[in-house]
Amino acid sequence: MSYAICFNSHGGPEVLEWTHVPVGEPGPNQVRLRHTAIGVNFLDIYERTGLYATRFPAIPGREAAGVVEVVGSRVKGFVAGDRVAYVGSQSGAYSEARVMDVDRLVKLPDGITDQQAAAVLLKGLTAHMLLRQTYRVRKGETLLIHAAAGGVGLIAVQWARHLGARVVAIVGSESKRDRVRALGIDHVLLLDEDWVAQIKSLTRNRGVSVVYDSVGKDTFERSLDCLRTRGMMVTYGNSSGPVPPIAPLELSKRGSLYLTRPTLFNYIAQRRALDNAARELFELVQRAVINVHVGQSYPLKDAARAQADLESRRTEGSTVLLP
């Protein structure tokens, strides 16, 4: 038995409970992990509120780092004592220990701490998906990144700058603007400003090549208005609520735009794709191209407070839980 955060109904952070749960032994292709750091993401909130379907009783969390304690009889490449991290398609990371399929694990290289791994893996692989696959950013292009002071946003801003792109960032407060400017980003706009007009001015009315929008409902239409002809709108989050239905003709009216709604797990379903993306991410972290900013950490039993702070946008960078 170990402790975990569980919930048995949808609702606010108050539905999260600190509970004893069985862990069990790993199957032939599984390992048992002792978690050392757990990542907190909006995905966890979407499940808690019912935006994304889940089964009860549920344990939130899709990413964590930890140490392998026991390996299954058919496991190859991992042994007890290995430091690992994972991004799972099934929730369950808000726990002290967990049995996990080995095909979702990646080994942690030297120079990557457990807290860094828990803070960066899901968000960093999401940034890889956005910048390297969904729309492959090229040197000299201008792009727009929403929620640039958030977990994915900070990583994406640094990665895009490394690729040679001209980054326009949008944040929710002056303190967050200072944080993003410190990364060398010149154009950091506030969410409550007329950022569409500012972007038109910055691009001489041409518009940006791609918008990466994790905010959703509140920014979607204005984001479309920031795109150049045949630009791409990448909507990948719902922090303000899901985007309402849109008629395809609207994309035509705004310049034959492209619209996609990617999800990370379709991009890392194959082992080779996961390993390649994780390797590229970890190399950039080790080289300090990407600075992993753990803005706040909480004891695992205080997961409700961590989610409430994230949901109300009181956080900066990544949030981790410590068992």
C-alpha atoms as a PDB file:
ATOM      1  CA  MET A   1       0.000   0.000   0.000  1.00  0.00           C
ATOM      2  CA  SER A   2       1.011   3.597  -0.609  1.00  0.00           C
ATOM      3  CA  TYR A   3      -0.642   7.007  -0.662  1.00  0.00           C
ATOM      4  CA  ALA A   4      -2.142   8.695  -3.709  1.00  0.00           C
ATOM      5  CA  ILE A   5      -4.436  11.570  -4.643  1.00  0.00           C
ATOM      6  CA  CYS A   6      -7.839  10.217  -5.754  1.00  0.00           C
ATOM      7  CA  PHE A   7     -11.189  11.642  -6.822  1.00  0.00           C
ATOM      8  CA  ASN A   8     -14.580   9.963  -7.170  1.00  0.00           C
ATOM      9  CA  SER A   9     -16.582  12.735  -8.813  1.00  0.00           C
ATOM     10  CA  HIS A  10     -15.996  15.703 -11.092  1.00  0.00           C
ATOM     11  CA  GLY A  11     -15.686  19.124  -9.555  1.00  0.00           C
ATOM     12  CA  GLY A  12     -13.277  21.669  -8.110  1.00  0.00           C
ATOM     13  CA  PRO A  13      -9.965  20.981  -6.383  1.00  0.00           C
ATOM     14  CA  GLU A  14     -11.858  19.984  -3.244  1.00  0.00           C
ATOM     15  CA  VAL A  15     -12.773  16.598  -4.805  1.00  0.00           C
ATOM     16  CA  LEU A  16      -9.107  15.528  -4.605  1.00  0.00           C
ATOM     17  CA  GLU A  17      -8.471  13.282  -1.593  1.00  0.00           C
ATOM     18  CA  TRP A  18      -5.320  11.862   0.058  1.00  0.00           C
ATOM     19  CA  THR A  19      -5.974   8.099   0.120  1.00  0.00           C
ATOM     20  CA  HIS A  20      -4.302   4.736   0.730  1.00  0.00           C
ATOM     21  CA  VAL A  21      -4.151   2.692  -2.493  1.00  0.00           C
ATOM     22  CA  PRO A  22      -2.794  -0.762  -3.417  1.00  0.00           C
ATOM     23  CA  VAL A  23       0.187  -0.817  -5.770  1.00  0.00           C
ATOM     24  CA  GLY A  24       0.645  -4.494  -6.645  1.00  0.00           C
ATOM     25  CA  GLU A  25       3.444  -6.275  -8.469  1.00  0.00           C
ATOM     26  CA  PRO A  26       4.468  -5.605 -12.073  1.00  0.00           C
ATOM     27  CA  GLY A  27       3.419  -7.852 -14.941  1.00  0.00           C
ATOM     28  CA  PRO A  28       5.926  -9.370 -17.382  1.00  0.00           C
ATOM     29  CA  ASN A  29       6.386  -6.123 -19.357  1.00  0.00           C
ATOM     30  CA  GLN A  30       5.971  -3.704 -16.480  1.00  0.00           C
ATOM     31  CA  VAL A  31       7.986  -2.135 -13.666  1.00  0.00           C
ATOM     32  CA  ARG A  32       7.097  -0.806 -10.263  1.00  0.00           C
ATOM     33  CA  LEU A  33       8.290   2.754  -9.698  1.00  0.00           C
ATOM     34  CA  ARG A  34       8.843   4.825  -6.586  1.00  0.00           C
ATOM     35  CA  HIS A  35       7.991   8.369  -7.651  1.00  0.00           C
ATOM     36  CA  THR A  36      10.377  11.180  -6.719  1.00  0.00           C
ATOM     37  CA  ALA A  37       8.718  14.090  -8.580  1.00  0.00           C
ATOM     38  CA  ILE A  38       5.373  14.453 -10.368  1.00  0.00           C
ATOM     39  CA  GLY A  39       4.416  16.992 -13.025  1.00  0.00           C
ATOM     40  CA  VAL A  40       1.203  19.025 -12.782  1.00  0.00           C
ATOM     41  CA  ASN A  41      -0.534  19.942 -16.043  1.00  0.00           C
ATOM     42  CA  PHE A  42      -3.812  21.416 -17.271  1.00  0.00           C
ATOM     43  CA  LEU A  43      -4.590  17.941 -18.593  1.00  0.00           C
ATOM     44  CA  ASP A  44      -5.018  16.845 -14.958  1.00  0.00           C
ATOM     45  CA  ILE A  45      -7.528  19.638 -14.389  1.00  0.00           C
ATOM     46  CA  TYR A  46      -9.467  18.754 -17.551  1.00  0.00           C
ATOM     47  CA  GLU A  47      -9.967  15.231 -16.181  1.00  0.00           C
ATOM     48  CA  ARG A  48     -10.939  16.459 -12.718  1.00  0.00           C
ATOM     49  CA  THR A  49     -13.558  18.858 -14.110  1.00  0.00           C
ATOM     50  CA  GLY A  50     -14.988  16.332 -16.564  1.00  0.00           C
ATOM     51  CA  LEU A  51     -13.861  18.084 -19.756  1.00  0.00           C
ATOM     52  CA  TYR A  52     -11.983  14.878 -20.543  1.00  0.00           C
ATOM     53  CA  ALA A  53     -13.626  11.551 -19.735  1.00  0.00           C
ATOM     54  CA  THR A  54     -12.269   9.460 -16.865  1.00  0.00           C
ATOM     55  CA  ARG A  55     -13.315   6.441 -14.814  1.00  0.00           C
ATOM     56  CA  PHE A  56     -13.823   6.529 -11.052  1.00  0.00           C
ATOM     57  CA  PRO A  57     -12.069   6.152  -8.736  1.00  0.00           C
ATOM     58  CA  ALA A  58      -9.384   8.117 -10.567  1.00  0.00           C
ATOM     59  CA  ILE A  59      -5.821   9.149  -9.785  1.00  0.00           C
ATOM     60  CA  PRO A  60      -4.736  12.240 -11.774  1.00  0.00           C
ATOM     61  CA  GLY A  61      -1.415  12.825 -13.448  1.00  0.00           C
ATOM     62  CA  ARG A  62       0.243  11.844 -16.715  1.00  0.00           C
ATOM     63  CA  GLU A  63       3.966  12.460 -16.031  1.00  0.00           C
ATOM     64  CA  ALA A  64       6.471  11.724 -13.301  1.00  0.00           C
ATOM     65  CA  ALA A  65      10.052  10.797 -12.558  1.00  0.00           C
ATOM     66  CA  GLY A  66      11.186   8.093 -10.216  1.00  0.00           C
ATOM     67  CA  VAL A  67      13.324   5.059  -9.485  1.00  0.00           C
ATOM     68  CA  VAL A  68      12.648   1.530 -10.711  1.00  0.00           C
ATOM     69  CA  GLU A  69      12.090  -0.795  -7.746  1.00  0.00           C
ATOM     70  CA  VAL A  70      10.966  -4.057  -9.378  1.00  0.00           C
ATOM     71  CA  VAL A  71      11.094  -5.209 -13.025  1.00  0.00           C
ATOM     72  CA  GLY A  72       8.822  -7.729 -14.744  1.00  0.00           C
ATOM     73  CA  SER A  73      10.092 -11.053 -16.049  1.00  0.00           C
ATOM     74  CA  ARG A  74      10.265  -9.952 -19.719  1.00  0.00           C
ATOM     75  CA  VAL A  75      11.599  -6.436 -19.237  1.00  0.00           C
ATOM     76  CA  LYS A  76      14.799  -5.634 -21.106  1.00  0.00           C
ATOM     77  CA  GLY A  77      16.873  -2.476 -20.907  1.00  0.00           C
ATOM     78  CA  PHE A  78      15.759  -1.452 -17.408  1.00  0.00           C
ATOM     79  CA  VAL A  79      16.936  -2.695 -14.008  1.00  0.00           C
ATOM     80  CA  ALA A  80      16.126  -1.895 -10.397  1.00  0.00           C
ATOM     81  CA  GLY A  81      17.715   1.396  -9.426  1.00  0.00           C
ATOM     82  CA  ASP A  82      17.389   3.071 -12.838  1.00  0.00           C
ATOM     83  CA  ARG A  83      16.300   6.707 -12.808  1.00  0.00           C
ATOM     84  CA  VAL A  84      13.427   7.089 -15.271  1.00  0.00           C
ATOM     85  CA  ALA A  85      10.610   9.383 -16.318  1.00  0.00           C
ATOM     86  CA  TYR A  86       7.432   8.881 -18.308  1.00  0.00           C
ATOM     87  CA  VAL A  87       4.510  10.507 -20.041  1.00  0.00           C
ATOM     88  CA  GLY A  88       1.525   8.176 -19.942  1.00  0.00           C
ATOM     89  CA  SER A  89      -1.639   8.042 -21.989  1.00  0.00           C
ATOM     90  CA  GLN A  90      -3.401   6.867 -18.818  1.00  0.00           C
ATOM     91  CA  SER A  91      -3.541   8.948 -15.646  1.00  0.00           C
ATOM     92  CA  GLY A  92      -2.234   7.754 -12.279  1.00  0.00           C
ATOM     93  CA  ALA A  93       0.937   9.739 -11.554  1.00  0.00           C
ATOM     94  CA  TYR A  94      -0.295  11.530  -8.392  1.00  0.00           C
ATOM     95  CA  SER A  95       0.917   8.641  -6.248  1.00  0.00           C
ATOM     96  CA  GLU A  96       3.897   7.587  -4.178  1.00  0.00           C
ATOM     97  CA  ALA A  97       4.372   4.413  -6.227  1.00  0.00           C
ATOM     98  CA  ARG A  98       2.972   2.969  -9.426  1.00  0.00           C
ATOM     99  CA  VAL A  99       3.123  -0.047 -11.731  1.00  0.00           C
ATOM    100  CA  MET A 100       3.903   1.147 -15.258  1.00  0.00           C
ATOM    101  CA  ASP A 101       4.256  -0.379 -18.736  1.00  0.00           C
ATOM    102  CA  VAL A 102       7.928  -0.297 -19.677  1.00  0.00           C
ATOM    103  CA  ASP A 103       7.312   0.962 -23.215  1.00  0.00           C
ATOM    104  CA  ARG A 104       6.430   4.427 -21.845  1.00  0.00           C
ATOM    105  CA  LEU A 105       9.622   4.854 -19.796  1.00  0.00           C
ATOM    106  CA  VAL A 106      12.697   6.844 -20.775  1.00  0.00           C
ATOM    107  CA  LYS A 107      15.970   6.732 -18.872  1.00  0.00           C
ATOM    108  CA  LEU A 108      17.188   9.982 -17.381  1.00  0.00           C
ATOM    109  CA  PRO A 109      20.657  11.033 -18.519  1.00  0.00           C
ATOM    110  CA  ASP A 110      23.242  12.521 -16.182  1.00  0.00           C
ATOM    111  CA  GLY A 111      22.694  16.214 -15.686  1.00  0.00           C
ATOM    112  CA  ILE A 112      18.884  15.952 -15.650  1.00  0.00           C
ATOM    113  CA  THR A 113      17.433  16.009 -12.131  1.00  0.00           C
ATOM    114  CA  ASP A 114      14.244  14.213 -11.191  1.00  0.00           C
ATOM    115  CA  GLN A 115      12.418  17.505 -10.645  1.00  0.00           C
ATOM    116  CA  GLN A 116      13.598  18.802 -14.011  1.00  0.00           C
ATOM    117  CA  ALA A 117      12.385  15.619 -15.704  1.00  0.00           C
ATOM    118  CA  ALA A 118       8.954  15.765 -14.066  1.00  0.00           C
ATOM    119  CA  ALA A 119       8.706  19.445 -14.966  1.00  0.00           C
ATOM    120  CA  VAL A 120       9.857  19.167 -18.568  1.00  0.00           C
ATOM    121  CA  LEU A 121       8.950  15.827 -20.125  1.00  0.00           C
ATOM    122  CA  LEU A 122       5.266  16.237 -21.021  1.00  0.00           C
ATOM    123  CA  LYS A 123       5.616  19.956 -21.658  1.00  0.00           C
ATOM    124  CA  GLY A 124       8.888  19.542 -23.540  1.00  0.00           C
ATOM    125  CA  LEU A 125       7.572  16.730 -25.706  1.00  0.00           C
ATOM    126  CA  THR A 126       4.523  18.915 -26.384  1.00  0.00           C
ATOM    127  CA  ALA A 127       6.836  21.737 -27.472  1.00  0.00           C
ATOM    128  CA  HIS A 128       8.710  19.267 -29.690  1.00  0.00           C
ATOM    129  CA  MET A 129       5.418  18.195 -31.246  1.00  0.00           C
ATOM    130  CA  LEU A 130       4.399  21.807 -31.861  1.00  0.00           C
ATOM    131  CA  LEU A 131       7.660  23.236 -33.208  1.00  0.00           C
ATOM    132  CA  ARG A 132       9.251  20.224 -34.857  1.00  0.00           C
ATOM    133  CA  GLN A 133       6.316  18.222 -36.180  1.00  0.00           C
ATOM    134  CA  THR A 134       2.884  19.893 -36.235  1.00  0.00           C
ATOM    135  CA  TYR A 135       4.400  22.969 -37.874  1.00  0.00           C
ATOM    136  CA  ARG A 136       8.143  22.681 -38.480  1.00  0.00           C
ATOM    137  CA  VAL A 137       9.498  26.099 -37.583  1.00  0.00           C
ATOM    138  CA  ARG A 138      12.169  27.527 -39.864  1.00  0.00           C
ATOM    139  CA  LYS A 139      14.756  30.223 -39.296  1.00  0.00           C
ATOM    140  CA  GLY A 140      13.470  33.733 -39.872  1.00  0.00           C
ATOM    141  CA  GLU A 141       9.762  32.943 -39.497  1.00  0.00           C
ATOM    142  CA  THR A 142       7.551  34.958 -37.156  1.00  0.00           C
ATOM    143  CA  LEU A 143       5.322  32.999 -34.805  1.00  0.00           C
ATOM    144  CA  LEU A 144       2.956  33.691 -31.914  1.00  0.00           C
ATOM    145  CA  ILE A 145       3.003  31.758 -28.635  1.00  0.00           C
ATOM    146  CA  HIS A 146       0.170  32.188 -26.129  1.00  0.00           C
ATOM    147  CA  ALA A 147       0.619  31.603 -22.372  1.00  0.00           C
ATOM    148  CA  ALA A 148       4.328  32.130 -22.929  1.00  0.00           C
ATOM    149  CA  ALA A 149       5.140  32.180 -19.201  1.00  0.00           C
ATOM    150  CA  GLY A 150       3.444  28.816 -18.612  1.00  0.00           C
ATOM    151  CA  GLY A 151       5.028  25.377 -18.571  1.00  0.00           C
ATOM    152  CA  VAL A 152       4.808  24.624 -22.291  1.00  0.00           C
ATOM    153  CA  GLY A 153       5.110  28.290 -23.226  1.00  0.00           C
ATOM    154  CA  LEU A 154       8.492  28.895 -21.581  1.00  0.00           C
ATOM    155  CA  ILE A 155       9.966  25.818 -23.223  1.00  0.00           C
ATOM    156  CA  ALA A 156       8.462  26.628 -26.618  1.00  0.00           C
ATOM    157  CA  VAL A 157       9.728  30.225 -26.491  1.00  0.00           C
ATOM    158  CA  GLN A 158      13.290  29.090 -25.817  1.00  0.00           C
ATOM    159  CA  TRP A 159      13.161  26.320 -28.414  1.00  0.00           C
ATOM    160  CA  ALA A 160      11.707  28.584 -31.100  1.00  0.00           C
ATOM    161  CA  ARG A 161      14.381  31.200 -30.453  1.00  0.00           C
ATOM    162  CA  HIS A 162      17.043  28.475 -30.737  1.00  0.00           C
ATOM    163  CA  LEU A 163      15.583  27.534 -34.137  1.00  0.00           C
ATOM    164  CA  GLY A 164      16.032  31.107 -35.301  1.00  0.00           C
ATOM    165  CA  ALA A 165      12.384  32.179 -35.284  1.00  0.00           C
ATOM    166  CA  ARG A 166      11.124  35.654 -34.430  1.00  0.00           C
ATOM    167  CA  VAL A 167       8.911  35.049 -31.412  1.00  0.00           C
ATOM    168  CA  VAL A 168       5.912  37.142 -30.392  1.00  0.00           C
ATOM    169  CA  ALA A 169       4.776  36.077 -26.934  1.00  0.00           C
ATOM    170  CA  ILE A 170       1.557  36.783 -25.030  1.00  0.00           C
ATOM    171  CA  VAL A 171       1.373  36.640 -21.222  1.00  0.00           C
ATOM    172  CA  GLY A 172      -1.168  37.536 -18.554  1.00  0.00           C
ATOM    173  CA  SER A 173       0.730  39.969 -16.305  1.00  0.00           C
ATOM    174  CA  GLU A 174       3.652  42.381 -16.078  1.00  0.00           C
ATOM    175  CA  SER A 175       5.658  39.972 -13.899  1.00  0.00           C
ATOM    176  CA  LYS A 176       5.212  37.244 -16.490  1.00  0.00           C
ATOM    177  CA  ARG A 177       6.224  39.687 -19.216  1.00  0.00           C
ATOM    178  CA  ASP A 178       9.488  40.340 -17.358  1.00  0.00           C
ATOM    179  CA  ARG A 179      10.094  36.601 -17.052  1.00  0.00           C
ATOM    180  CA  VAL A 180       9.718  36.022 -20.799  1.00  0.00           C
ATOM    181  CA  ARG A 181      11.712  39.114 -21.743  1.00  0.00           C
ATOM    182  CA  ALA A 182      14.579  37.753 -19.646  1.00  0.00           C
ATOM    183  CA  LEU A 183      14.813  34.886 -22.139  1.00  0.00           C
ATOM    184  CA  GLY A 184      15.750  37.338 -24.881  1.00  0.00           C
ATOM    185  CA  ILE A 185      12.285  37.785 -26.374  1.00  0.00           C
ATOM    186  CA  ASP A 186      11.727  41.358 -27.525  1.00  0.00           C
ATOM    187  CA  HIS A 187       8.024  41.233 -28.356  1.00  0.00           C
ATOM    188  CA  VAL A 188       6.057  40.244 -25.231  1.00  0.00           C
ATOM    189  CA  LEU A 189       2.452  41.437 -25.240  1.00  0.00           C
ATOM    190  CA  LEU A 190      -0.183  41.421 -22.492  1.00  0.00           C
ATOM    191  CA  LEU A 191      -3.371  39.409 -22.888  1.00  0.00           C
ATOM    192  CA  ASP A 192      -5.587  42.354 -21.954  1.00  0.00           C
ATOM    193  CA  GLU A 193      -4.046  44.599 -24.634  1.00  0.00           C
ATOM    194  CA  ASP A 194      -5.094  44.854 -28.288  1.00  0.00           C
ATOM    195  CA  TRP A 195      -2.504  42.283 -29.276  1.00  0.00           C
ATOM    196  CA  VAL A 196      -4.038  41.658 -32.711  1.00  0.00           C
ATOM    197  CA  ALA A 197      -3.336  45.260 -33.717  1.00  0.00           C
ATOM    198  CA  GLN A 198       0.149  45.098 -32.240  1.00  0.00           C
ATOM    199  CA  ILE A 199       0.977  41.921 -34.141  1.00  0.00           C
ATOM    200  CA  LYS A 200      -0.317  43.438 -37.378  1.00  0.00           C
ATOM    201  CA  SER A 201       1.980  46.406 -36.765  1.00  0.00           C
ATOM    202  CA  LEU A 202       4.982  44.219 -35.933  1.00  0.00           C
ATOM    203  CA  THR A 203       4.510  42.187 -39.122  1.00  0.00           C
ATOM    204  CA  ARG A 204       3.582  45.139 -41.360  1.00  0.00           C
ATOM    205  CA  ASN A 205       0.065  43.700 -41.735  1.00  0.00           C
ATOM    206  CA  ARG A 206       1.374  40.409 -43.096  1.00  0.00           C
ATOM    207  CA  GLY A 207       0.633  38.299 -40.020  1.00  0.00           C
ATOM    208  CA  VAL A 208       2.528  35.450 -38.390  1.00  0.00           C
ATOM    209  CA  SER A 209       3.247  32.064 -39.948  1.00  0.00           C
ATOM    210  CA  VAL A 210       1.823  30.027 -37.069  1.00  0.00           C
ATOM    211  CA  VAL A 211      -0.052  30.580 -33.802  1.00  0.00           C
ATOM    212  CA  TYR A 212       0.386  28.169 -30.892  1.00  0.00           C
ATOM    213  CA  ASP A 213      -2.694  28.665 -28.697  1.00  0.00           C
ATOM    214  CA  SER A 214      -3.248  26.757 -25.453  1.00  0.00           C
ATOM    215  CA  VAL A 215      -5.820  29.221 -24.089  1.00  0.00           C
ATOM    216  CA  GLY A 216      -8.749  28.108 -26.251  1.00  0.00           C
ATOM    217  CA  LYS A 217     -12.135  29.801 -26.272  1.00  0.00           C
ATOM    218  CA  ASP A 218     -11.086  33.312 -25.197  1.00  0.00           C
ATOM    219  CA  THR A 219      -8.331  33.781 -27.778  1.00  0.00           C
ATOM    220  CA  PHE A 220      -9.195  31.512 -30.692  1.00  0.00           C
ATOM    221  CA  GLU A 221     -10.864  33.932 -33.103  1.00  0.00           C
ATOM    222  CA  ARG A 222      -8.396  36.737 -32.450  1.00  0.00           C
ATOM    223  CA  SER A 223      -5.559  34.281 -32.995  1.00  0.00           C
ATOM    224  CA  LEU A 224      -6.953  33.492 -36.434  1.00  0.00           C
ATOM    225  CA  ASP A 225      -6.850  37.215 -37.206  1.00  0.00           C
ATOM    226  CA  CYS A 226      -3.093  37.259 -36.510  1.00  0.00           C
ATOM    227  CA  LEU A 227      -2.201  34.741 -39.217  1.00  0.00           C
ATOM    228  CA  ARG A 228      -0.716  35.446 -42.615  1.00  0.00           C
ATOM    229  CA  THR A 229      -2.301  34.046 -45.769  1.00  0.00           C
ATOM    230  CA  ARG A 230      -2.113  30.236 -45.602  1.00  0.00           C
ATOM    231  CA  GLY A 231      -0.840  30.410 -42.035  1.00  0.00           C
ATOM    232  CA  MET A 232      -1.475  27.647 -39.511  1.00  0.00           C
ATOM    233  CA  MET A 233      -3.563  27.827 -36.340  1.00  0.00           C
ATOM    234  CA  VAL A 234      -2.448  25.233 -33.773  1.00  0.00           C
ATOM    235  CA  THR A 235      -4.943  25.035 -30.918  1.00  0.00           C
ATOM    236  CA  TYR A 236      -3.659  22.592 -28.309  1.00  0.00           C
ATOM    237  CA  GLY A 237      -5.244  23.576 -24.983  1.00  0.00           C
ATOM    238  CA  ASN A 238      -8.423  24.748 -23.278  1.00  0.00           C
ATOM    239  CA  SER A 239      -7.376  26.804 -20.244  1.00  0.00           C
ATOM    240  CA  SER A 240     -10.255  29.264 -20.863  1.00  0.00           C
ATOM    241  CA  GLY A 241     -12.619  26.553 -22.110  1.00  0.00           C
ATOM    242  CA  PRO A 242     -12.939  24.515 -25.314  1.00  0.00           C
ATOM    243  CA  VAL A 243     -13.040  26.265 -28.677  1.00  0.00           C
ATOM    244  CA  PRO A 244     -16.597  26.426 -30.103  1.00  0.00           C
ATOM    245  CA  PRO A 245     -17.354  24.867 -33.485  1.00  0.00           C
ATOM    246  CA  ILE A 246     -16.080  26.820 -36.482  1.00  0.00           C
ATOM    247  CA  ALA A 247     -17.334  26.753 -40.076  1.00  0.00           C
ATOM    248  CA  PRO A 248     -14.578  25.811 -42.567  1.00  0.00           C
ATOM    249  CA  LEU A 249     -15.581  28.845 -44.628  1.00  0.00           C
ATOM    250  CA  GLU A 250     -14.147  31.078 -41.868  1.00  0.00           C
ATOM    251  CA  LEU A 251     -10.689  29.699 -42.640  1.00  0.00           C
ATOM    252  CA  SER A 252     -11.164  30.588 -46.287  1.00  0.00           C
ATOM    253  CA  LYS A 253     -12.284  34.133 -45.506  1.00  0.00           C
ATOM    254  CA  ARG A 254      -9.169  34.775 -43.444  1.00  0.00           C
ATOM    255  CA  GLY A 255      -6.736  33.670 -46.147  1.00  0.00           C
ATOM    256  CA  SER A 256      -7.007  29.910 -46.737  1.00  0.00           C
ATOM    257  CA  LEU A 257      -5.780  29.114 -43.243  1.00  0.00           C
ATOM    258  CA  TYR A 258      -4.841  25.729 -41.865  1.00  0.00           C
ATOM    259  CA  LEU A 259      -6.311  24.562 -38.528  1.00  0.00           C
ATOM    260  CA  THR A 260      -5.156  21.621 -36.440  1.00  0.00           C
ATOM    261  CA  ARG A 261      -5.847  20.341 -32.951  1.00  0.00           C
ATOM    262  CA  PRO A 262      -2.950  17.959 -32.132  1.00  0.00           C
ATOM    263  CA  THR A 263      -2.565  15.737 -29.090  1.00  0.00           C
ATOM    264  CA  LEU A 264       0.844  14.568 -27.932  1.00  0.00           C
ATOM    265  CA  PHE A 265       0.055  10.884 -27.537  1.00  0.00           C
ATOM    266  CA  ASN A 266      -0.603  10.488 -31.273  1.00  0.00           C
ATOM    267  CA  TYR A 267       2.926  11.767 -31.894  1.00  0.00           C
ATOM    268  CA  ILE A 268       4.770   9.511 -29.416  1.00  0.00           C
ATOM    269  CA  ALA A 269       2.735   6.318 -29.771  1.00  0.00           C
ATOM    270  CA  GLN A 270       5.686   4.499 -31.333  1.00  0.00           C
ATOM    271  CA  ARG A 271       8.700   3.723 -29.155  1.00  0.00           C
ATOM    272  CA  ARG A 272      11.148   5.152 -31.685  1.00  0.00           C
ATOM    273  CA  ALA A 273       9.241   8.445 -31.887  1.00  0.00           C
ATOM    274  CA  LEU A 274       9.203   8.757 -28.087  1.00  0.00           C
ATOM    275  CA  ASP A 275      12.924   8.025 -27.780  1.00  0.00           C
ATOM    276  CA  ASN A 276      13.899  10.439 -30.554  1.00  0.00           C
ATOM    277  CA  ALA A 277      11.815  13.304 -29.163  1.00  0.00           C
ATOM    278  CA  ALA A 278      13.010  12.721 -25.581  1.00  0.00           C
ATOM    279  CA  ARG A 279      16.634  12.547 -26.715  1.00  0.00           C
ATOM    280  CA  GLU A 280      16.386  15.863 -28.577  1.00  0.00           C
ATOM    281  CA  LEU A 281      14.666  17.492 -25.594  1.00  0.00           C
ATOM    282  CA  PHE A 282      17.164  16.243 -23.008  1.00  0.00           C
ATOM    283  CA  GLU A 283      20.127  17.307 -25.154  1.00  0.00           C
ATOM    284  CA  LEU A 284      18.823  20.880 -25.294  1.00  0.00           C
ATOM    285  CA  VAL A 285      18.278  20.897 -21.522  1.00  0.00           C
ATOM    286  CA  GLN A 286      21.788  19.557 -20.907  1.00  0.00           C
ATOM    287  CA  ARG A 287      23.249  22.224 -23.199  1.00  0.00           C
ATOM    288  CA  ALA A 288      21.240  24.915 -21.335  1.00  0.00           C
ATOM    289  CA  VAL A 289      19.468  25.875 -24.567  1.00  0.00           C
ATOM    290  CA  ILE A 290      16.273  25.168 -22.631  1.00  0.00           C
ATOM    291  CA  ASN A 291      16.215  26.311 -19.030  1.00  0.00           C
ATOM    292  CA  VAL A 292      13.695  24.259 -17.061  1.00  0.00           C
ATOM    293  CA  HIS A 293      11.940  26.688 -14.735  1.00  0.00           C
ATOM    294  CA  VAL A 294      10.283  24.911 -11.813  1.00  0.00           C
ATOM    295  CA  GLY A 295       8.281  27.860 -10.627  1.00  0.00           C
ATOM    296  CA  GLN A 296       6.699  26.140  -7.638  1.00  0.00           C
ATOM    297  CA  SER A 297       6.617  22.789  -5.871  1.00  0.00           C
ATOM    298  CA  TYR A 298       4.115  21.324  -3.403  1.00  0.00           C
ATOM    299  CA  PRO A 299       3.940  18.203  -1.252  1.00  0.00           C
ATOM    300  CA  LEU A 300       1.946  15.519  -3.056  1.00  0.00           C
ATOM    301  CA  LYS A 301      -0.784  15.662  -0.405  1.00  0.00           C
ATOM    302  CA  ASP A 302      -1.319  19.347  -1.326  1.00  0.00           C
ATOM    303  CA  ALA A 303      -2.206  18.558  -4.946  1.00  0.00           C
ATOM    304  CA  ALA A 304      -5.549  20.377  -4.624  1.00  0.00           C
ATOM    305  CA  ARG A 305      -3.757  23.627  -3.817  1.00  0.00           C
ATOM    306  CA  ALA A 306      -1.332  23.084  -6.707  1.00  0.00           C
ATOM    307  CA  GLN A 307      -4.187  22.604  -9.169  1.00  0.00           C
ATOM    308  CA  ALA A 308      -6.103  25.601  -7.806  1.00  0.00           C
ATOM    309  CA  ASP A 309      -3.049  27.820  -8.260  1.00  0.00           C
ATOM    310  CA  LEU A 310      -2.472  26.554 -11.800  1.00  0.00           C
ATOM    311  CA  GLU A 311      -6.134  26.950 -12.733  1.00  0.00           C
ATOM    312  CA  SER A 312      -6.241  30.541 -11.486  1.00  0.00           C
ATOM    313  CA  ARG A 313      -2.989  31.389 -13.344  1.00  0.00           C
ATOM    314  CA  ARG A 314      -1.078  32.153 -10.132  1.00  0.00           C
ATOM    315  CA  THR A 315       1.840  29.993 -11.274  1.00  0.00           C
ATOM    316  CA  GLU A 316       4.859  30.583 -13.476  1.00  0.00           C
ATOM    317  CA  GLY A 317       6.781  27.925 -15.367  1.00  0.00           C
ATOM    318  CA  SER A 318       6.274  24.315 -14.328  1.00  0.00           C
ATOM    319  CA  THR A 319       4.696  22.922 -11.181  1.00  0.00           C
ATOM    320  CA  VAL A 320       5.825  19.711  -9.492  1.00  0.00           C
ATOM    321  CA  LEU A 321       4.508  17.583  -6.626  1.00  0.00           C
ATOM    322  CA  LEU A 322       6.964  15.929  -4.244  1.00  0.00           C
ATOM    323  CA  PRO A 323       5.931  12.605  -2.651  1.00  0.00           C
END
